[in-house]
């Protein structure tokens, strides 16, 4: 059965943003997550591509990005729950 709110939300995003947020909103990875967690689900994409897209989603207010203490990495968490 299609999830109409999920589909409507995904349609408001770019193609890659939609693919990423669908994985987040379907609970395919534990939150908070880092770029490498997402990249494991999308192995054909470069690390930098995933990182850039997650950062853009954070800039749009869909995700939060918090620095991981003692590392250069960031943790991401969805601000919107569908």
Protein backbone atom coordinates (compact mmCIF):
# COMPACT_ATOMS: atom_id res chain seq x y z
CA UNK A 1 0.00 0.00 0.00
CA UNK A 2 1.53 3.36 -1.02
CA UNK A 3 2.33 5.87 1.70
CA UNK A 4 0.75 9.03 0.24
CA UNK A 5 2.40 11.51 2.65
CA UNK A 6 5.79 9.92 1.97
CA UNK A 7 5.30 10.04 -1.79
CA UNK A 8 4.10 13.65 -1.66
CA UNK A 9 7.13 14.68 0.40
CA UNK A 10 9.59 12.86 -1.85
CA UNK A 11 8.12 14.58 -4.92
CA UNK A 12 9.08 17.97 -3.44
CA UNK A 13 12.77 17.04 -3.46
CA UNK A 14 15.35 16.53 -6.17
CA UNK A 15 15.84 12.95 -7.43
CA UNK A 16 18.81 12.08 -5.20
CA UNK A 17 17.41 13.98 -2.22
CA UNK A 18 14.19 12.00 -2.63
CA UNK A 19 16.03 8.67 -2.77
CA UNK A 20 17.97 9.53 0.38
CA UNK A 21 14.98 10.81 2.34
CA UNK A 22 12.87 7.82 1.33
CA UNK A 23 15.51 5.57 2.98
CA UNK A 24 15.51 7.78 6.09
CA UNK A 25 11.72 8.00 6.35
CA UNK A 26 11.25 4.27 5.72
CA UNK A 27 13.59 3.58 8.67
CA UNK A 28 16.25 1.84 6.58
CA UNK A 29 19.01 3.17 8.83
CA UNK A 30 19.26 4.05 12.48
CA UNK A 31 19.25 7.73 13.41
CA UNK A 32 21.40 9.64 13.90
CA UNK A 33 23.53 8.44 10.99
CA UNK A 34 26.75 9.49 9.28
CA UNK A 35 27.58 9.69 5.58
CA UNK A 36 29.13 6.21 5.55
CA UNK A 37 25.90 4.70 6.93
CA UNK A 38 23.95 6.17 4.03
CA UNK A 39 26.62 5.28 1.50
CA UNK A 40 26.35 1.60 2.51
CA UNK A 41 22.76 1.72 1.25
CA UNK A 42 23.80 3.52 -1.95
CA UNK A 43 27.19 1.96 -2.82
CA UNK A 44 27.27 3.26 -6.40
CA UNK A 45 27.41 6.87 -5.20
CA UNK A 46 30.65 8.58 -4.23
CA UNK A 47 31.14 9.55 -0.59
CA UNK A 48 31.33 13.23 -1.58
CA UNK A 49 28.06 13.01 -3.52
CA UNK A 50 26.23 11.61 -0.51
CA UNK A 51 27.88 14.13 1.82
CA UNK A 52 26.95 17.07 -0.40
CA UNK A 53 23.35 15.91 -0.70
CA UNK A 54 23.00 15.39 3.06
CA UNK A 55 24.43 18.86 3.66
CA UNK A 56 21.93 20.36 1.21
CA UNK A 57 19.08 18.58 3.00
CA UNK A 58 20.38 20.04 6.27
CA UNK A 59 20.52 23.53 4.71
CA UNK A 60 16.87 23.09 3.67
CA UNK A 61 15.92 22.20 7.26
CA UNK A 62 14.94 18.60 6.49
CA UNK A 63 17.89 17.12 8.38
CA UNK A 64 20.04 18.43 11.21
CA UNK A 65 23.81 18.12 10.99
CA UNK A 66 25.77 17.91 14.22
CA UNK A 67 29.56 17.59 14.41
CA UNK A 68 30.82 14.31 15.87
CA UNK A 69 33.09 15.20 18.81
CA UNK A 70 36.76 14.64 18.01
CA UNK A 71 36.10 13.91 14.32
CA UNK A 72 35.51 15.78 11.09
CA UNK A 73 32.30 13.80 10.49
CA UNK A 74 28.75 14.98 11.10
CA UNK A 75 25.73 13.07 12.34
CA UNK A 76 22.41 13.59 10.58
CA UNK A 77 18.93 13.36 12.00
CA UNK A 78 15.61 13.86 10.25
CA UNK A 79 13.58 16.84 11.45
CA UNK A 80 10.54 15.70 9.47
CA UNK A 81 8.88 12.38 10.29
CA UNK A 82 6.46 10.79 7.87
